[in-house]
Amino acid sequence: MGAVNKYLVEEEPWIVAEKDGEEDKARLATILYTSAEALRIVTALVHPVLPECTGKIWNQLGLGEISKFNLADLKWAQLPLGGKLGKVEPVFPRADKTAIERMQQMEQERNASAPPATQTTTDAPAPAATAGIGTGQPGPKPPQGPDPAPLAAKVPAPSDGKITIDDFMKVELRVGQVKFAEKVKGADKLLRLEVDIGTEVRQLVAGIALAYEPESLIGRKVVIVANLQPRKLRGLESNGMIVAASVGEDGKPVLAGFLEDVPIGSKLK
């Protein structure tokens, strides 16, 4: 499925669909059929281990009951042309935000209630060492155990979700200024931004289109994570991530900013 997703990103059917030429229509049909047929093949192959969700996908492809299909007969190009799709609905619904927060809270509570690790090698008393008390004779030396320092180093740190200062210092936060902004075609939530960070102008793709009009961002100073690996969104390479708060139940993005004038390219610490 990763290869299919890459194929869609590279072929950009949402852009091809806006063109009216006959060659473009034929290309669009090829892209969509190839993707749907690949989905059918994968669905049939994983059905034995994911029967419920693959059954839903099979129905949505308009193919009826997947249990009636013989896997031994599986071949490419068996998806009928012009077939009618079934009712399309999410196969893996997005988890509710409150449910995710509750699971995180349960995990933290479980970690907090776990008994702390003990070190019997270094903490155990040594009775033999007291044998010479009051006799004038030295007691026998306790057996030499391993150096306690390496043992202590092996004890895992508490899993409370906190990070070290070294982890935080790996994140490079910089002040940037938006020079250009536009909506991404075929994506209601995405904006393509060109942001000046002092040393260069970066292209970023950010999911803030429902909260900000592109023209309102021109000239605005923002905070970006400057050392993220590039990734592609809707065929556009995004070189960084814009920092924003997530407000309310809908997670409305609110861009981080400054009350004072801060030079472009400044680092945040």
Protein backbone atom coordinates (compact mmCIF):
# COMPACT_ATOMS: atom_id res chain seq x y z
CA MET A 1 0.00 0.00 0.00
CA GLY A 2 2.96 2.28 0.52
CA ALA A 3 3.87 1.86 -3.15
CA VAL A 4 0.29 2.69 -4.18
CA ASN A 5 0.30 5.80 -2.03
CA LYS A 6 3.62 6.86 -3.60
CA TYR A 7 2.12 6.22 -7.06
CA LEU A 8 -0.82 8.50 -6.30
CA VAL A 9 1.42 11.24 -4.93
CA GLU A 10 3.64 11.15 -8.00
CA GLU A 11 0.80 10.94 -10.56
CA GLU A 12 -1.32 13.65 -8.84
CA PRO A 13 -4.80 12.58 -10.08
CA TRP A 14 -6.41 15.58 -8.34
CA ILE A 15 -4.49 17.85 -10.71
CA VAL A 16 -5.07 15.69 -13.79
CA ALA A 17 -8.83 15.73 -13.08
CA GLU A 18 -8.91 19.51 -13.59
CA LYS A 19 -7.70 19.19 -17.20
CA ASP A 20 -10.14 18.72 -20.09
CA GLY A 21 -7.97 17.08 -22.75
CA GLU A 22 -8.76 13.56 -23.96
CA GLU A 23 -5.26 12.39 -23.12
CA ASP A 24 -5.67 13.76 -19.59
CA LYS A 25 -8.99 11.93 -19.18
CA ALA A 26 -7.41 8.69 -20.35
CA ARG A 27 -4.46 9.19 -17.99
CA LEU A 28 -6.83 9.88 -15.09
CA ALA A 29 -8.76 6.69 -15.84
CA THR A 30 -5.50 4.70 -15.88
CA ILE A 31 -4.34 6.17 -12.56
CA LEU A 32 -7.63 5.46 -10.82
CA TYR A 33 -8.00 1.95 -12.24
CA THR A 34 -4.42 1.01 -11.38
CA SER A 35 -4.88 2.23 -7.81
CA ALA A 36 -8.24 0.49 -7.36
CA GLU A 37 -6.92 -2.77 -8.82
CA ALA A 38 -3.88 -2.68 -6.53
CA LEU A 39 -6.23 -2.12 -3.59
CA ARG A 40 -8.31 -5.13 -4.70
CA ILE A 41 -5.21 -7.36 -4.89
CA VAL A 42 -3.96 -6.33 -1.46
CA THR A 43 -7.44 -6.71 0.04
CA ALA A 44 -7.74 -10.28 -1.23
CA LEU A 45 -4.26 -11.21 0.04
CA VAL A 46 -4.73 -9.92 3.59
CA HIS A 47 -8.33 -11.11 3.98
CA PRO A 48 -7.35 -14.25 5.96
CA VAL A 49 -5.79 -12.08 8.71
CA LEU A 50 -8.10 -9.03 8.49
CA PRO A 51 -11.45 -10.50 7.51
CA GLU A 52 -13.73 -7.75 8.79
CA CYS A 53 -12.07 -4.66 7.32
CA THR A 54 -11.20 -6.35 4.01
CA GLY A 55 -14.85 -7.39 3.70
CA LYS A 56 -15.84 -3.74 3.95
CA ILE A 57 -13.30 -2.69 1.32
CA TRP A 58 -14.44 -5.47 -1.03
CA ASN A 59 -18.05 -4.28 -0.74
CA GLN A 60 -17.04 -0.67 -1.34
CA LEU A 61 -15.30 -1.76 -4.54
CA GLY A 62 -18.66 -3.18 -5.64
CA LEU A 63 -17.42 -6.79 -5.61
CA GLY A 64 -19.96 -8.33 -3.22
CA GLU A 65 -18.92 -10.85 -0.57
CA ILE A 66 -15.18 -11.44 -0.35
CA SER A 67 -15.74 -14.81 1.32
CA LYS A 68 -17.00 -16.14 -2.02
CA PHE A 69 -13.77 -15.22 -3.82
CA ASN A 70 -11.21 -17.99 -4.44
CA LEU A 71 -7.74 -16.65 -3.70
CA ALA A 72 -6.21 -19.19 -6.09
CA ASP A 73 -7.93 -17.38 -8.97
CA LEU A 74 -6.45 -13.97 -8.10
CA LYS A 75 -4.98 -12.20 -11.14
CA TRP A 76 -4.29 -8.63 -12.22
CA ALA A 77 -6.95 -6.73 -14.19
CA GLN A 78 -9.93 -8.68 -12.83
CA LEU A 79 -11.61 -5.49 -11.60
CA PRO A 80 -14.44 -4.89 -14.10
CA LEU A 81 -14.34 -1.64 -16.05
CA GLY A 82 -17.27 0.67 -15.39
CA GLY A 83 -18.25 -1.20 -12.24
CA LYS A 84 -20.45 0.58 -9.72
CA LEU A 85 -18.94 1.25 -6.31
CA GLY A 86 -20.70 0.32 -3.10
CA LYS A 87 -21.36 2.74 -0.25
CA VAL A 88 -18.06 4.39 0.62
CA GLU A 89 -17.39 4.87 4.33
CA PRO A 90 -14.32 4.89 6.62
CA VAL A 91 -12.83 1.44 7.16
CA PHE A 92 -10.67 2.61 10.04
CA PRO A 93 -12.53 5.56 11.66
CA ARG A 94 -10.33 8.20 13.26
CA ALA A 95 -10.13 7.76 17.01
CA ASP A 96 -11.94 10.40 19.05
CA LYS A 97 -9.54 12.92 20.57
CA THR A 98 -10.93 12.37 24.09
CA ALA A 99 -10.43 8.60 23.73
CA ILE A 100 -6.76 9.13 22.81
CA GLU A 101 -6.25 11.46 25.76
CA ARG A 102 -7.89 8.91 28.08
CA MET A 103 -5.59 6.14 26.82
CA GLN A 104 -2.56 8.35 27.39
CA GLN A 105 -3.77 9.12 30.93
CA MET A 106 -4.27 5.41 31.65
CA GLU A 107 -0.75 4.68 30.41
CA GLN A 108 0.71 7.38 32.67
CA GLU A 109 -1.25 6.07 35.66
CA ARG A 110 -0.05 2.53 34.97
CA ASN A 111 3.57 3.66 34.80
CA ALA A 112 3.21 5.73 37.97
CA SER A 113 1.81 2.78 39.93
CA ALA A 114 4.49 0.33 38.80
CA PRO A 115 6.89 -0.69 41.65
CA PRO A 116 10.34 0.92 41.40
CA ALA A 117 13.25 -1.22 40.30
CA THR A 118 15.43 -2.54 43.14
CA GLN A 119 19.09 -3.49 43.22
CA THR A 120 19.62 -6.47 45.52
CA THR A 121 23.33 -6.65 44.72
CA THR A 122 24.21 -3.23 46.12
CA ASP A 123 21.48 -2.69 48.71
CA ALA A 124 21.62 -6.06 50.58
CA PRO A 125 23.31 -5.91 54.04
CA ALA A 126 26.55 -7.81 54.59
CA PRO A 127 26.25 -9.57 58.00
CA ALA A 128 29.73 -11.08 57.80
CA ALA A 129 31.31 -7.64 57.91
CA THR A 130 30.24 -7.21 61.58
CA ALA A 131 31.92 -10.37 62.84
CA GLY A 132 34.99 -8.56 64.22
CA ILE A 133 33.06 -6.02 66.31
CA GLY A 134 34.17 -6.16 70.00
CA THR A 135 36.74 -8.91 69.36
CA GLY A 136 39.65 -6.82 68.17
CA GLN A 137 39.86 -8.94 65.05
CA PRO A 138 38.92 -7.66 61.63
CA GLY A 139 35.90 -9.29 60.12
CA PRO A 140 36.11 -11.17 56.84
CA LYS A 141 35.95 -9.07 53.72
CA PRO A 142 32.61 -9.17 51.91
CA PRO A 143 32.67 -10.83 48.51
CA GLN A 144 33.57 -8.48 45.72
CA GLY A 145 30.56 -7.87 43.52
CA PRO A 146 30.35 -5.94 40.29
CA ASP A 147 30.81 -2.18 40.28
CA PRO A 148 27.44 -0.69 41.33
CA ALA A 149 27.74 2.18 38.88
CA PRO A 150 27.15 0.05 35.77
CA LEU A 151 24.16 -1.59 37.48
CA ALA A 152 22.59 1.75 38.25
CA ALA A 153 23.09 2.82 34.65
CA LYS A 154 21.03 -0.14 33.46
CA VAL A 155 17.95 0.82 35.46
CA PRO A 156 15.48 2.33 32.96
CA ALA A 157 14.30 5.88 33.56
CA PRO A 158 10.65 6.34 34.54
CA SER A 159 8.38 6.42 31.49
CA ASP A 160 6.44 9.57 32.34
CA GLY A 161 6.53 11.17 28.89
CA LYS A 162 9.21 13.70 29.84
CA ILE A 163 12.27 14.31 27.69
CA THR A 164 15.77 15.40 28.60
CA ILE A 165 17.25 18.80 27.81
CA ASP A 166 19.47 17.03 25.27
CA ASP A 167 16.37 15.77 23.45
CA PHE A 168 14.89 19.27 23.37
CA MET A 169 18.12 20.81 22.08
CA LYS A 170 17.91 18.58 19.01
CA VAL A 171 14.84 20.54 17.86
CA GLU A 172 15.80 23.65 15.87
CA LEU A 173 13.10 26.31 16.22
CA ARG A 174 13.51 29.44 14.10
CA VAL A 175 11.63 32.65 13.41
CA GLY A 176 10.43 32.92 9.82
CA GLN A 177 8.43 35.40 7.79
CA VAL A 178 5.76 34.29 5.33
CA LYS A 179 6.54 35.64 1.86
CA PHE A 180 3.91 33.76 -0.13
CA ALA A 181 0.85 31.66 0.63
CA GLU A 182 -1.72 29.82 -1.45
CA LYS A 183 -4.26 27.04 -1.09
CA VAL A 184 -3.29 23.56 -2.21
CA LYS A 185 -5.57 22.34 -4.99
CA GLY A 186 -7.76 19.44 -3.96
CA ALA A 187 -6.95 19.82 -0.23
CA ASP A 188 -9.33 21.90 1.88
CA LYS A 189 -7.05 22.04 4.93
CA LEU A 190 -3.64 22.66 3.34
CA LEU A 191 -1.76 25.84 2.48
CA ARG A 192 1.52 26.06 0.60
CA LEU A 193 3.79 28.64 2.22
CA GLU A 194 7.12 30.17 1.30
CA VAL A 195 8.85 31.20 4.53
CA ASP A 196 12.05 33.25 4.85
CA ILE A 197 14.16 31.95 7.76
CA GLY A 198 17.11 34.29 7.24
CA THR A 199 19.47 31.92 5.45
CA GLU A 200 16.98 30.68 2.85
CA VAL A 201 13.34 30.66 1.80
CA ARG A 202 11.65 27.35 2.66
CA GLN A 203 8.53 25.77 1.16
CA LEU A 204 6.18 24.46 3.84
CA VAL A 205 2.82 22.71 3.57
CA ALA A 206 0.66 23.39 6.62
CA GLY A 207 -2.82 22.24 7.63
CA ILE A 208 -4.10 25.70 8.58
CA ALA A 209 -6.30 26.59 5.59
CA LEU A 210 -9.55 26.38 7.59
CA ALA A 211 -8.29 28.97 10.08
CA TYR A 212 -6.30 31.40 7.90
CA GLU A 213 -6.80 32.96 4.48
CA PRO A 214 -3.57 32.88 2.45
CA GLU A 215 -3.40 36.65 1.95
CA SER A 216 -3.69 37.28 5.71
CA LEU A 217 -0.40 35.45 6.32
CA ILE A 218 1.80 37.49 3.98
CA GLY A 219 4.44 39.29 6.06
CA ARG A 220 3.51 37.49 9.28
CA LYS A 221 6.30 36.15 11.48
CA VAL A 222 5.90 32.55 12.56
CA VAL A 223 7.83 29.82 14.35
CA ILE A 224 8.95 26.79 12.37
CA VAL A 225 10.74 23.54 13.18
CA ALA A 226 13.65 23.94 10.78
CA ASN A 227 15.46 20.60 11.05
CA LEU A 228 12.70 18.13 10.19
CA GLN A 229 13.22 15.65 7.39
CA PRO A 230 11.38 16.82 4.23
CA ARG A 231 8.12 15.03 3.43
CA LYS A 232 5.64 15.19 0.57
CA LEU A 233 2.02 16.23 1.00
CA ARG A 234 -0.23 16.16 -2.06
CA GLY A 235 2.86 16.02 -4.24
CA LEU A 236 4.45 19.09 -2.61
CA GLU A 237 7.65 18.84 -0.59
CA SER A 238 7.39 20.39 2.87
CA ASN A 239 10.71 21.43 4.41
CA GLY A 240 9.79 22.05 8.02
CA MET A 241 6.73 22.43 10.22
CA ILE A 242 4.94 25.56 11.35
CA VAL A 243 4.25 25.75 15.10
CA ALA A 244 0.66 26.35 16.22
CA ALA A 245 -1.53 25.72 19.23
CA SER A 246 -4.48 23.35 18.94
CA VAL A 247 -7.53 25.08 20.42
CA GLY A 248 -10.93 23.64 21.32
CA GLU A 249 -12.50 20.27 20.61
CA ASP A 250 -11.99 20.73 16.87
CA GLY A 251 -8.29 21.45 17.34
CA LYS A 252 -8.40 24.84 15.60
CA PRO A 253 -4.82 25.90 14.77
CA VAL A 254 -3.60 29.20 16.23
CA LEU A 255 -0.15 30.24 15.04
CA ALA A 256 2.56 30.96 17.59
CA GLY A 257 3.82 34.56 17.44
CA PHE A 258 5.59 37.35 19.30
CA LEU A 259 4.56 40.52 21.12
CA GLU A 260 7.94 42.10 20.33
CA ASP A 261 9.74 42.44 17.01
CA VAL A 262 12.06 39.45 16.53
CA PRO A 263 14.59 39.27 13.68
CA ILE A 264 14.01 36.71 10.96
CA GLY A 265 16.11 33.58 11.50
CA SER A 266 16.39 33.96 15.27
CA LYS A 267 16.62 30.67 17.17
CA LEU A 268 14.19 29.81 19.97
CA LYS A 269 15.65 28.21 23.09
